[in-house]
Amino acid sequence: MESRAIARYQRVSPRKARLVARNVQGMAVEDALNLLLFTPNKPAGIIYGVMRSALANAGQIGGMDPDNLVVKEVMVNEGPAWKRFMPRAQGRATRIRKRTSHITVILSEGRE
């Protein structure tokens, strides 16, 4: 059985979030939460919250033991980018893309 949680439109770059997500894949949930709690990056806090939500979802599903859960997959997909303009020299302007992410955490029982 699997448990999942999704956080959409998070205001963090997908490239930066994938660096953190790669570290916790395949770990036990308790170890992954401890690692994320002490990682000083903004994406770590967001992924920590999504993982806690997936853990709570697993508690609602009958027959899933929260102590035996493993992080099966953490997917970070690109969301829509906010488009802004910054003034530049000689009356010009350049586009600034403020990127967003969709973060999905999937937990499963045991190692698969």
PDB file of N, CA and C in Angstrom:
ATOM      1  N   MET A   1       0.835  -1.188   0.000  1.00  0.00           N
ATOM      2  CA  MET A   1       0.000   0.000   0.000  1.00  0.00           C
ATOM      3  C   MET A   1       0.879   1.251   0.000  1.00  0.00           C
ATOM      4  N   GLU A   2       0.304   2.311  -0.527  1.00  0.00           N
ATOM      5  CA  GLU A   2       1.037   3.570  -0.637  1.00  0.00           C
ATOM      6  C   GLU A   2       0.221   4.710  -0.046  1.00  0.00           C
ATOM      7  N   SER A   3       0.943   5.697   0.393  1.00  0.00           N
ATOM      8  CA  SER A   3       0.339   6.932   0.867  1.00  0.00           C
ATOM      9  C   SER A   3       1.034   8.077   0.137  1.00  0.00           C
ATOM     10  N   ARG A   4       0.261   9.093  -0.253  1.00  0.00           N
ATOM     11  CA  ARG A   4       0.867  10.199  -0.982  1.00  0.00           C
ATOM     12  C   ARG A   4       0.304  11.520  -0.503  1.00  0.00           C
ATOM     13  N   ALA A   5       1.096  12.559  -0.717  1.00  0.00           N
ATOM     14  CA  ALA A   5       0.663  13.929  -0.452  1.00  0.00           C
ATOM     15  C   ALA A   5       1.280  14.819  -1.524  1.00  0.00           C
ATOM     16  N   ILE A   6       0.541  15.849  -1.912  1.00  0.00           N
ATOM     17  CA  ILE A   6       0.982  16.740  -2.976  1.00  0.00           C
ATOM     18  C   ILE A   6       0.864  18.188  -2.502  1.00  0.00           C
ATOM     19  N   ALA A   7       1.924  18.950  -2.703  1.00  0.00           N
ATOM     20  CA  ALA A   7       1.891  20.391  -2.456  1.00  0.00           C
ATOM     21  C   ALA A   7       2.101  21.070  -3.804  1.00  0.00           C
ATOM     22  N   ARG A   8       1.126  21.849  -4.211  1.00  0.00           N
ATOM     23  CA  ARG A   8       1.193  22.477  -5.526  1.00  0.00           C
ATOM     24  C   ARG A   8       1.476  23.972  -5.393  1.00  0.00           C
ATOM     25  N   TYR A   9       2.075  24.529  -6.421  1.00  0.00           N
ATOM     26  CA  TYR A   9       2.359  25.962  -6.533  1.00  0.00           C
ATOM     27  C   TYR A   9       3.247  26.469  -5.394  1.00  0.00           C
ATOM     28  N   GLN A  10       4.233  25.673  -4.995  1.00  0.00           N
ATOM     29  CA  GLN A  10       5.152  26.105  -3.944  1.00  0.00           C
ATOM     30  C   GLN A  10       6.176  27.055  -4.527  1.00  0.00           C
ATOM     31  N   ARG A  11       6.457  28.140  -3.820  1.00  0.00           N
ATOM     32  CA  ARG A  11       7.311  29.213  -4.346  1.00  0.00           C
ATOM     33  C   ARG A  11       8.788  28.895  -4.096  1.00  0.00           C
ATOM     34  N   VAL A  12       9.258  27.854  -4.790  1.00  0.00           N
ATOM     35  CA  VAL A  12      10.658  27.448  -4.734  1.00  0.00           C
ATOM     36  C   VAL A  12      11.020  26.873  -6.095  1.00  0.00           C
ATOM     37  N   SER A  13      12.240  27.095  -6.510  1.00  0.00           N
ATOM     38  CA  SER A  13      12.680  26.614  -7.811  1.00  0.00           C
ATOM     39  C   SER A  13      12.730  25.086  -7.822  1.00  0.00           C
ATOM     40  N   PRO A  14      12.227  24.430  -8.875  1.00  0.00           N
ATOM     41  CA  PRO A  14      12.257  22.976  -8.930  1.00  0.00           C
ATOM     42  C   PRO A  14      13.678  22.417  -8.902  1.00  0.00           C
ATOM     43  N   ARG A  15      14.603  23.129  -9.512  1.00  0.00           N
ATOM     44  CA  ARG A  15      15.987  22.656  -9.544  1.00  0.00           C
ATOM     45  C   ARG A  15      16.572  22.584  -8.136  1.00  0.00           C
ATOM     46  N   LYS A  16      16.295  23.584  -7.327  1.00  0.00           N
ATOM     47  CA  LYS A  16      16.797  23.595  -5.957  1.00  0.00           C
ATOM     48  C   LYS A  16      16.075  22.560  -5.091  1.00  0.00           C
ATOM     49  N   ALA A  17      14.781  22.370  -5.334  1.00  0.00           N
ATOM     50  CA  ALA A  17      14.016  21.396  -4.554  1.00  0.00           C
ATOM     51  C   ALA A  17      14.446  19.965  -4.878  1.00  0.00           C
ATOM     52  N   ARG A  18      14.822  19.713  -6.124  1.00  0.00           N
ATOM     53  CA  ARG A  18      15.257  18.362  -6.495  1.00  0.00           C
ATOM     54  C   ARG A  18      16.551  17.970  -5.797  1.00  0.00           C
ATOM     55  N   LEU A  19      17.420  18.948  -5.516  1.00  0.00           N
ATOM     56  CA  LEU A  19      18.661  18.646  -4.800  1.00  0.00           C
ATOM     57  C   LEU A  19      18.368  18.085  -3.410  1.00  0.00           C
ATOM     58  N   VAL A  20      17.377  18.641  -2.735  1.00  0.00           N
ATOM     59  CA  VAL A  20      17.005  18.172  -1.409  1.00  0.00           C
ATOM     60  C   VAL A  20      16.224  16.862  -1.503  1.00  0.00           C
ATOM     61  N   ALA A  21      15.324  16.761  -2.491  1.00  0.00           N
ATOM     62  CA  ALA A  21      14.477  15.573  -2.630  1.00  0.00           C
ATOM     63  C   ALA A  21      15.306  14.323  -2.909  1.00  0.00           C
ATOM     64  N   ARG A  22      16.393  14.499  -3.646  1.00  0.00           N
ATOM     65  CA  ARG A  22      17.246  13.363  -3.985  1.00  0.00           C
ATOM     66  C   ARG A  22      17.885  12.743  -2.745  1.00  0.00           C
ATOM     67  N   ASN A  23      18.105  13.546  -1.700  1.00  0.00           N
ATOM     68  CA  ASN A  23      18.771  13.057  -0.500  1.00  0.00           C
ATOM     69  C   ASN A  23      17.919  12.107   0.329  1.00  0.00           C
ATOM     70  N   VAL A  24      16.598  12.234   0.267  1.00  0.00           N
ATOM     71  CA  VAL A  24      15.738  11.459   1.166  1.00  0.00           C
ATOM     72  C   VAL A  24      15.091  10.253   0.501  1.00  0.00           C
ATOM     73  N   GLN A  25      15.241  10.095  -0.797  1.00  0.00           N
ATOM     74  CA  GLN A  25      14.597   8.971  -1.464  1.00  0.00           C
ATOM     75  C   GLN A  25      15.176   7.648  -0.997  1.00  0.00           C
ATOM     76  N   GLY A  26      14.288   6.702  -0.660  1.00  0.00           N
ATOM     77  CA  GLY A  26      14.717   5.378  -0.233  1.00  0.00           C
ATOM     78  C   GLY A  26      14.996   5.262   1.247  1.00  0.00           C
ATOM     79  N   MET A  27      14.905   6.361   1.991  1.00  0.00           N
ATOM     80  CA  MET A  27      15.178   6.322   3.427  1.00  0.00           C
ATOM     81  C   MET A  27      13.920   5.953   4.206  1.00  0.00           C
ATOM     82  N   ALA A  28      14.119   5.512   5.449  1.00  0.00           N
ATOM     83  CA  ALA A  28      12.990   5.337   6.358  1.00  0.00           C
ATOM     84  C   ALA A  28      12.410   6.716   6.652  1.00  0.00           C
ATOM     85  N   VAL A  29      11.122   6.786   6.898  1.00  0.00           N
ATOM     86  CA  VAL A  29      10.452   8.069   7.059  1.00  0.00           C
ATOM     87  C   VAL A  29      11.020   8.846   8.245  1.00  0.00           C
ATOM     88  N   GLU A  30      11.263   8.172   9.347  1.00  0.00           N
ATOM     89  CA  GLU A  30      11.787   8.861  10.530  1.00  0.00           C
ATOM     90  C   GLU A  30      13.167   9.471  10.256  1.00  0.00           C
ATOM     91  N   ASP A  31      14.025   8.712   9.587  1.00  0.00           N
ATOM     92  CA  ASP A  31      15.354   9.229   9.241  1.00  0.00           C
ATOM     93  C   ASP A  31      15.261  10.400   8.255  1.00  0.00           C
ATOM     94  N   ALA A  32      14.353  10.277   7.290  1.00  0.00           N
ATOM     95  CA  ALA A  32      14.184  11.335   6.295  1.00  0.00           C
ATOM     96  C   ALA A  32      13.673  12.618   6.947  1.00  0.00           C
ATOM     97  N   LEU A  33      12.738  12.504   7.883  1.00  0.00           N
ATOM     98  CA  LEU A  33      12.213  13.686   8.570  1.00  0.00           C
ATOM     99  C   LEU A  33      13.301  14.358   9.401  1.00  0.00           C
ATOM    100  N   ASN A  34      14.138  13.561  10.064  1.00  0.00           N
ATOM    101  CA  ASN A  34      15.236  14.136  10.841  1.00  0.00           C
ATOM    102  C   ASN A  34      16.239  14.845   9.936  1.00  0.00           C
ATOM    103  N   LEU A  35      16.533  14.245   8.798  1.00  0.00           N
ATOM    104  CA  LEU A  35      17.467  14.867   7.857  1.00  0.00           C
ATOM    105  C   LEU A  35      16.912  16.197   7.344  1.00  0.00           C
ATOM    106  N   LEU A  36      15.624  16.213   6.984  1.00  0.00           N
ATOM    107  CA  LEU A  36      15.014  17.435   6.464  1.00  0.00           C
ATOM    108  C   LEU A  36      14.913  18.519   7.530  1.00  0.00           C
ATOM    109  N   LEU A  37      14.680  18.106   8.769  1.00  0.00           N
ATOM    110  CA  LEU A  37      14.536  19.075   9.854  1.00  0.00           C
ATOM    111  C   LEU A  37      15.813  19.873  10.075  1.00  0.00           C
ATOM    112  N   PHE A  38      16.967  19.243   9.853  1.00  0.00           N
ATOM    113  CA  PHE A  38      18.237  19.903  10.096  1.00  0.00           C
ATOM    114  C   PHE A  38      18.963  20.327   8.813  1.00  0.00           C
ATOM    115  N   THR A  39      18.255  20.302   7.687  1.00  0.00           N
ATOM    116  CA  THR A  39      18.821  20.798   6.437  1.00  0.00           C
ATOM    117  C   THR A  39      18.436  22.268   6.297  1.00  0.00           C
ATOM    118  N   PRO A  40      19.412  23.163   6.161  1.00  0.00           N
ATOM    119  CA  PRO A  40      19.115  24.597   6.216  1.00  0.00           C
ATOM    120  C   PRO A  40      18.678  25.219   4.892  1.00  0.00           C
ATOM    121  N   ASN A  41      17.958  24.492   4.061  1.00  0.00           N
ATOM    122  CA  ASN A  41      17.494  25.024   2.786  1.00  0.00           C
ATOM    123  C   ASN A  41      15.987  25.245   2.844  1.00  0.00           C
ATOM    124  N   LYS A  42      15.493  26.212   2.096  1.00  0.00           N
ATOM    125  CA  LYS A  42      14.062  26.470   2.046  1.00  0.00           C
ATOM    126  C   LYS A  42      13.270  25.257   1.538  1.00  0.00           C
ATOM    127  N   PRO A  43      13.730  24.561   0.484  1.00  0.00           N
ATOM    128  CA  PRO A  43      12.969  23.402   0.010  1.00  0.00           C
ATOM    129  C   PRO A  43      12.855  22.295   1.056  1.00  0.00           C
ATOM    130  N   ALA A  44      13.819  22.192   1.961  1.00  0.00           N
ATOM    131  CA  ALA A  44      13.773  21.142   2.983  1.00  0.00           C
ATOM    132  C   ALA A  44      12.563  21.328   3.877  1.00  0.00           C
ATOM    133  N   GLY A  45      12.246  22.567   4.243  1.00  0.00           N
ATOM    134  CA  GLY A  45      11.082  22.827   5.082  1.00  0.00           C
ATOM    135  C   GLY A  45       9.787  22.494   4.367  1.00  0.00           C
ATOM    136  N   ILE A  46       9.721  22.783   3.082  1.00  0.00           N
ATOM    137  CA  ILE A  46       8.518  22.495   2.309  1.00  0.00           C
ATOM    138  C   ILE A  46       8.334  20.985   2.162  1.00  0.00           C
ATOM    139  N   ILE A  47       9.406  20.279   1.814  1.00  0.00           N
ATOM    140  CA  ILE A  47       9.325  18.823   1.650  1.00  0.00           C
ATOM    141  C   ILE A  47       9.018  18.162   2.993  1.00  0.00           C
ATOM    142  N   TYR A  48       9.557  18.720   4.086  1.00  0.00           N
ATOM    143  CA  TYR A  48       9.263  18.210   5.431  1.00  0.00           C
ATOM    144  C   TYR A  48       7.756  18.251   5.698  1.00  0.00           C
ATOM    145  N   GLY A  49       7.125  19.367   5.371  1.00  0.00           N
ATOM    146  CA  GLY A  49       5.684  19.500   5.580  1.00  0.00           C
ATOM    147  C   GLY A  49       4.875  18.540   4.723  1.00  0.00           C
ATOM    148  N   VAL A  50       5.298  18.345   3.476  1.00  0.00           N
ATOM    149  CA  VAL A  50       4.586  17.421   2.585  1.00  0.00           C
ATOM    150  C   VAL A  50       4.740  15.987   3.093  1.00  0.00           C
ATOM    151  N   MET A  51       5.938  15.661   3.600  1.00  0.00           N
ATOM    152  CA  MET A  51       6.167  14.311   4.113  1.00  0.00           C
ATOM    153  C   MET A  51       5.343  14.052   5.376  1.00  0.00           C
ATOM    154  N   ARG A  52       5.214  15.069   6.237  1.00  0.00           N
ATOM    155  CA  ARG A  52       4.370  14.924   7.427  1.00  0.00           C
ATOM    156  C   ARG A  52       2.913  14.700   7.024  1.00  0.00           C
ATOM    157  N   SER A  53       2.475  15.383   5.957  1.00  0.00           N
ATOM    158  CA  SER A  53       1.112  15.209   5.463  1.00  0.00           C
ATOM    159  C   SER A  53       0.903  13.798   4.915  1.00  0.00           C
ATOM    160  N   ALA A  54       1.892  13.286   4.170  1.00  0.00           N
ATOM    161  CA  ALA A  54       1.795  11.919   3.646  1.00  0.00           C
ATOM    162  C   ALA A  54       1.781  10.902   4.790  1.00  0.00           C
ATOM    163  N   LEU A  55       2.523  11.180   5.851  1.00  0.00           N
ATOM    164  CA  LEU A  55       2.541  10.304   7.030  1.00  0.00           C
ATOM    165  C   LEU A  55       1.177  10.307   7.720  1.00  0.00           C
ATOM    166  N   ALA A  56       0.548  11.484   7.816  1.00  0.00           N
ATOM    167  CA  ALA A  56      -0.789  11.579   8.391  1.00  0.00           C
ATOM    168  C   ALA A  56      -1.806  10.853   7.516  1.00  0.00           C
ATOM    169  N   ASN A  57      -1.634  10.955   6.194  1.00  0.00           N
ATOM    170  CA  ASN A  57      -2.532  10.224   5.283  1.00  0.00           C
ATOM    171  C   ASN A  57      -2.384   8.722   5.467  1.00  0.00           C
ATOM    172  N   ALA A  58      -1.152   8.265   5.714  1.00  0.00           N
ATOM    173  CA  ALA A  58      -0.924   6.838   5.934  1.00  0.00           C
ATOM    174  C   ALA A  58      -1.609   6.372   7.212  1.00  0.00           C
ATOM    175  N   GLY A  59      -1.665   7.239   8.216  1.00  0.00           N
ATOM    176  CA  GLY A  59      -2.350   6.896   9.456  1.00  0.00           C
ATOM    177  C   GLY A  59      -3.847   6.741   9.262  1.00  0.00           C
ATOM    178  N   GLN A  60      -4.400   7.436   8.271  1.00  0.00           N
ATOM    179  CA  GLN A  60      -5.834   7.342   8.003  1.00  0.00           C
ATOM    180  C   GLN A  60      -6.199   6.084   7.216  1.00  0.00           C
ATOM    181  N   ILE A  61      -5.224   5.530   6.505  1.00  0.00           N
ATOM    182  CA  ILE A  61      -5.466   4.311   5.737  1.00  0.00           C
ATOM    183  C   ILE A  61      -5.333   3.127   6.690  1.00  0.00           C
ATOM    184  N   GLY A  62      -6.309   2.268   6.706  1.00  0.00           N
ATOM    185  CA  GLY A  62      -6.260   1.112   7.597  1.00  0.00           C
ATOM    186  C   GLY A  62      -5.205   0.113   7.166  1.00  0.00           C
ATOM    187  N   GLY A  63      -4.481  -0.451   8.115  1.00  0.00           N
ATOM    188  CA  GLY A  63      -3.515  -1.500   7.830  1.00  0.00           C
ATOM    189  C   GLY A  63      -2.117  -1.020   7.496  1.00  0.00           C
ATOM    190  N   MET A  64      -1.843   0.264   7.588  1.00  0.00           N
ATOM    191  CA  MET A  64      -0.493   0.770   7.320  1.00  0.00           C
ATOM    192  C   MET A  64       0.179   1.104   8.651  1.00  0.00           C
ATOM    193  N   ASP A  65       1.361   0.546   8.855  1.00  0.00           N
ATOM    194  CA  ASP A  65       2.127   0.807  10.070  1.00  0.00           C
ATOM    195  C   ASP A  65       3.053   1.995   9.822  1.00  0.00           C
ATOM    196  N   PRO A  66       2.865   3.119  10.529  1.00  0.00           N
ATOM    197  CA  PRO A  66       3.699   4.312  10.284  1.00  0.00           C
ATOM    198  C   PRO A  66       5.187   4.092  10.595  1.00  0.00           C
ATOM    199  N   ASP A  67       5.503   3.125  11.467  1.00  0.00           N
ATOM    200  CA  ASP A  67       6.899   2.873  11.817  1.00  0.00           C
ATOM    201  C   ASP A  67       7.647   2.113  10.727  1.00  0.00           C
ATOM    202  N   ASN A  68       6.918   1.489   9.825  1.00  0.00           N
ATOM    203  CA  ASN A  68       7.524   0.636   8.801  1.00  0.00           C
ATOM    204  C   ASN A  68       7.538   1.318   7.421  1.00  0.00           C
ATOM    205  N   LEU A  69       7.288   2.626   7.382  1.00  0.00           N
ATOM    206  CA  LEU A  69       7.174   3.315   6.094  1.00  0.00           C
ATOM    207  C   LEU A  69       8.532   3.771   5.575  1.00  0.00           C
ATOM    208  N   VAL A  70       8.643   3.753   4.252  1.00  0.00           N
ATOM    209  CA  VAL A  70       9.857   4.159   3.546  1.00  0.00           C
ATOM    210  C   VAL A  70       9.457   5.203   2.504  1.00  0.00           C
ATOM    211  N   VAL A  71      10.331   6.163   2.264  1.00  0.00           N
ATOM    212  CA  VAL A  71      10.088   7.167   1.219  1.00  0.00           C
ATOM    213  C   VAL A  71      10.328   6.486  -0.124  1.00  0.00           C
ATOM    214  N   LYS A  72       9.249   6.172  -0.813  1.00  0.00           N
ATOM    215  CA  LYS A  72       9.380   5.485  -2.100  1.00  0.00           C
ATOM    216  C   LYS A  72       9.833   6.450  -3.187  1.00  0.00           C
ATOM    217  N   GLU A  73       9.215   7.648  -3.202  1.00  0.00           N
ATOM    218  CA  GLU A  73       9.535   8.594  -4.272  1.00  0.00           C
ATOM    219  C   GLU A  73       9.200  10.011  -3.821  1.00  0.00           C
ATOM    220  N   VAL A  74      10.044  10.943  -4.207  1.00  0.00           N
ATOM    221  CA  VAL A  74       9.774  12.375  -4.043  1.00  0.00           C
ATOM    222  C   VAL A  74       9.931  13.002  -5.420  1.00  0.00           C
ATOM    223  N   MET A  75       8.811  13.437  -5.991  1.00  0.00           N
ATOM    224  CA  MET A  75       8.829  14.039  -7.325  1.00  0.00           C
ATOM    225  C   MET A  75       8.687  15.545  -7.187  1.00  0.00           C
ATOM    226  N   VAL A  76       9.506  16.265  -7.914  1.00  0.00           N
ATOM    227  CA  VAL A  76       9.413  17.724  -7.956  1.00  0.00           C
ATOM    228  C   VAL A  76       9.221  18.114  -9.417  1.00  0.00           C
ATOM    229  N   ASN A  77       8.017  18.562  -9.731  1.00  0.00           N
ATOM    230  CA  ASN A  77       7.699  18.985 -11.093  1.00  0.00           C
ATOM    231  C   ASN A  77       7.591  20.504 -11.141  1.00  0.00           C
ATOM    232  N   GLU A  78       7.784  21.037 -12.336  1.00  0.00           N
ATOM    233  CA  GLU A  78       7.749  22.480 -12.510  1.00  0.00           C
ATOM    234  C   GLU A  78       6.313  22.965 -12.601  1.00  0.00           C
ATOM    235  N   GLY A  79       6.014  23.996 -11.837  1.00  0.00           N
ATOM    236  CA  GLY A  79       4.712  24.644 -11.898  1.00  0.00           C
ATOM    237  C   GLY A  79       4.795  25.873 -12.776  1.00  0.00           C
ATOM    238  N   PRO A  80       3.748  26.680 -12.797  1.00  0.00           N
ATOM    239  CA  PRO A  80       3.788  27.904 -13.595  1.00  0.00           C
ATOM    240  C   PRO A  80       4.761  28.910 -12.991  1.00  0.00           C
ATOM    241  N   ALA A  81       5.369  29.702 -13.830  1.00  0.00           N
ATOM    242  CA  ALA A  81       6.324  30.709 -13.364  1.00  0.00           C
ATOM    243  C   ALA A  81       5.638  32.076 -13.339  1.00  0.00           C
ATOM    244  N   TRP A  82       5.920  32.825 -12.293  1.00  0.00           N
ATOM    245  CA  TRP A  82       5.443  34.206 -12.233  1.00  0.00           C
ATOM    246  C   TRP A  82       6.370  35.046 -13.094  1.00  0.00           C
ATOM    247  N   LYS A  83       5.799  35.874 -13.932  1.00  0.00           N
ATOM    248  CA  LYS A  83       6.617  36.688 -14.818  1.00  0.00           C
ATOM    249  C   LYS A  83       6.626  38.129 -14.316  1.00  0.00           C
ATOM    250  N   ARG A  84       7.817  38.616 -14.080  1.00  0.00           N
ATOM    251  CA  ARG A  84       7.999  39.982 -13.592  1.00  0.00           C
ATOM    252  C   ARG A  84       9.031  40.673 -14.475  1.00  0.00           C
ATOM    253  N   PHE A  85       9.078  41.979 -14.409  1.00  0.00           N
ATOM    254  CA  PHE A  85      10.049  42.735 -15.178  1.00  0.00           C
ATOM    255  C   PHE A  85      10.908  43.566 -14.251  1.00  0.00           C
ATOM    256  N   MET A  86      12.205  43.664 -14.593  1.00  0.00           N
ATOM    257  CA  MET A  86      13.144  44.468 -13.822  1.00  0.00           C
ATOM    258  C   MET A  86      13.690  45.560 -14.739  1.00  0.00           C
ATOM    259  N   PRO A  87      13.655  46.804 -14.281  1.00  0.00           N
ATOM    260  CA  PRO A  87      14.205  47.885 -15.092  1.00  0.00           C
ATOM    261  C   PRO A  87      15.708  47.740 -15.261  1.00  0.00           C
ATOM    262  N   ARG A  88      16.174  48.041 -16.449  1.00  0.00           N
ATOM    263  CA  ARG A  88      17.604  47.966 -16.746  1.00  0.00           C
ATOM    264  C   ARG A  88      18.067  49.285 -17.342  1.00  0.00           C
ATOM    265  N   ALA A  89      19.302  49.303 -17.771  1.00  0.00           N
ATOM    266  CA  ALA A  89      19.897  50.540 -18.277  1.00  0.00           C
ATOM    267  C   ALA A  89      19.252  50.988 -19.586  1.00  0.00           C
ATOM    268  N   GLN A  90      19.267  52.274 -19.820  1.00  0.00           N
ATOM    269  CA  GLN A  90      18.834  52.914 -21.061  1.00  0.00           C
ATOM    270  C   GLN A  90      17.372  52.611 -21.396  1.00  0.00           C
ATOM    271  N   GLY A  91      16.516  52.550 -20.375  1.00  0.00           N
ATOM    272  CA  GLY A  91      15.081  52.395 -20.596  1.00  0.00           C
ATOM    273  C   GLY A  91      14.629  50.999 -20.948  1.00  0.00           C
ATOM    274  N   ARG A  92      15.504  50.037 -20.865  1.00  0.00           N
ATOM    275  CA  ARG A  92      15.128  48.659 -21.178  1.00  0.00           C
ATOM    276  C   ARG A  92      14.562  47.960 -19.941  1.00  0.00           C
ATOM    277  N   ALA A  93      14.019  46.771 -20.168  1.00  0.00           N
ATOM    278  CA  ALA A  93      13.540  45.936 -19.066  1.00  0.00           C
ATOM    279  C   ALA A  93      13.810  44.481 -19.428  1.00  0.00           C
ATOM    280  N   THR A  94      14.118  43.681 -18.428  1.00  0.00           N
ATOM    281  CA  THR A  94      14.335  42.246 -18.656  1.00  0.00           C
ATOM    282  C   THR A  94      13.325  41.453 -17.850  1.00  0.00           C
ATOM    283  N   ARG A  95      13.004  40.289 -18.361  1.00  0.00           N
ATOM    284  CA  ARG A  95      12.025  39.423 -17.710  1.00  0.00           C
ATOM    285  C   ARG A  95      12.678  38.644 -16.574  1.00  0.00           C
ATOM    286  N   ILE A  96      11.997  38.572 -15.446  1.00  0.00           N
ATOM    287  CA  ILE A  96      12.404  37.754 -14.308  1.00  0.00           C
ATOM    288  C   ILE A  96      11.358  36.658 -14.165  1.00  0.00           C
ATOM    289  N   ARG A  97      11.793  35.407 -14.105  1.00  0.00           N
ATOM    290  CA  ARG A  97      10.867  34.280 -13.940  1.00  0.00           C
ATOM    291  C   ARG A  97      10.983  33.754 -12.523  1.00  0.00           C
ATOM    292  N   LYS A  98       9.931  33.913 -11.753  1.00  0.00           N
ATOM    293  CA  LYS A  98       9.892  33.389 -10.391  1.00  0.00           C
ATOM    294  C   LYS A  98       9.205  32.035 -10.467  1.00  0.00           C
ATOM    295  N   ARG A  99       9.993  30.992 -10.323  1.00  0.00           N
ATOM    296  CA  ARG A  99       9.505  29.649 -10.598  1.00  0.00           C
ATOM    297  C   ARG A  99       8.760  29.053  -9.404  1.00  0.00           C
ATOM    298  N   THR A 100       7.813  28.149  -9.728  1.00  0.00           N
ATOM    299  CA  THR A 100       7.071  27.428  -8.704  1.00  0.00           C
ATOM    300  C   THR A 100       7.233  25.932  -8.940  1.00  0.00           C
ATOM    301  N   SER A 101       6.895  25.146  -7.911  1.00  0.00           N
ATOM    302  CA  SER A 101       7.078  23.700  -7.973  1.00  0.00           C
ATOM    303  C   SER A 101       5.824  22.983  -7.490  1.00  0.00           C
ATOM    304  N   HIS A 102       5.611  21.796  -8.029  1.00  0.00           N
ATOM    305  CA  HIS A 102       4.622  20.859  -7.514  1.00  0.00           C
ATOM    306  C   HIS A 102       5.418  19.705  -6.907  1.00  0.00           C
ATOM    307  N   ILE A 103       5.255  19.481  -5.602  1.00  0.00           N
ATOM    308  CA  ILE A 103       6.046  18.477  -4.885  1.00  0.00           C
ATOM    309  C   ILE A 103       5.126  17.342  -4.455  1.00  0.00           C
ATOM    310  N   THR A 104       5.483  16.118  -4.840  1.00  0.00           N
ATOM    311  CA  THR A 104       4.722  14.928  -4.498  1.00  0.00           C
ATOM    312  C   THR A 104       5.609  13.982  -3.710  1.00  0.00           C
ATOM    313  N   VAL A 105       5.109  13.509  -2.558  1.00  0.00           N
ATOM    314  CA  VAL A 105       5.826  12.536  -1.733  1.00  0.00           C
ATOM    315  C   VAL A 105       4.997  11.264  -1.678  1.00  0.00           C
ATOM    316  N   ILE A 106       5.608  10.124  -1.991  1.00  0.00           N
ATOM    317  CA  ILE A 106       4.937   8.827  -1.947  1.00  0.00           C
ATOM    318  C   ILE A 106       5.660   7.963  -0.920  1.00  0.00           C
ATOM    319  N   LEU A 107       4.915   7.470   0.062  1.00  0.00           N
ATOM    320  CA  LEU A 107       5.461   6.582   1.093  1.00  0.00           C
ATOM    321  C   LEU A 107       4.881   5.197   0.875  1.00  0.00           C
ATOM    322  N   SER A 108       5.688   4.164   1.112  1.00  0.00           N
ATOM    323  CA  SER A 108       5.209   2.786   0.996  1.00  0.00           C
ATOM    324  C   SER A 108       5.759   1.968   2.153  1.00  0.00           C
ATOM    325  N   GLU A 109       5.187   0.806   2.350  1.00  0.00           N
ATOM    326  CA  GLU A 109       5.614  -0.053   3.461  1.00  0.00           C
ATOM    327  C   GLU A 109       6.790  -0.907   3.019  1.00  0.00           C
ATOM    328  N   GLY A 110       7.822  -0.974   3.865  1.00  0.00           N
ATOM    329  CA  GLY A 110       8.973  -1.823   3.590  1.00  0.00           C
ATOM    330  C   GLY A 110       9.734  -1.382   2.369  1.00  0.00           C
ATOM    331  N   ARG A 111      10.801  -2.077   2.077  1.00  0.00           N
ATOM    332  CA  ARG A 111      11.624  -1.776   0.895  1.00  0.00           C
ATOM    333  C   ARG A 111      11.067  -2.557  -0.294  1.00  0.00           C
ATOM    334  N   GLU A 112      10.830  -1.839  -1.388  1.00  0.00           N
ATOM    335  CA  GLU A 112      10.305  -2.513  -2.595  1.00  0.00           C
ATOM    336  C   GLU A 112      11.290  -2.430  -3.710  1.00  0.00           C
TER     337      GLU A 112
END
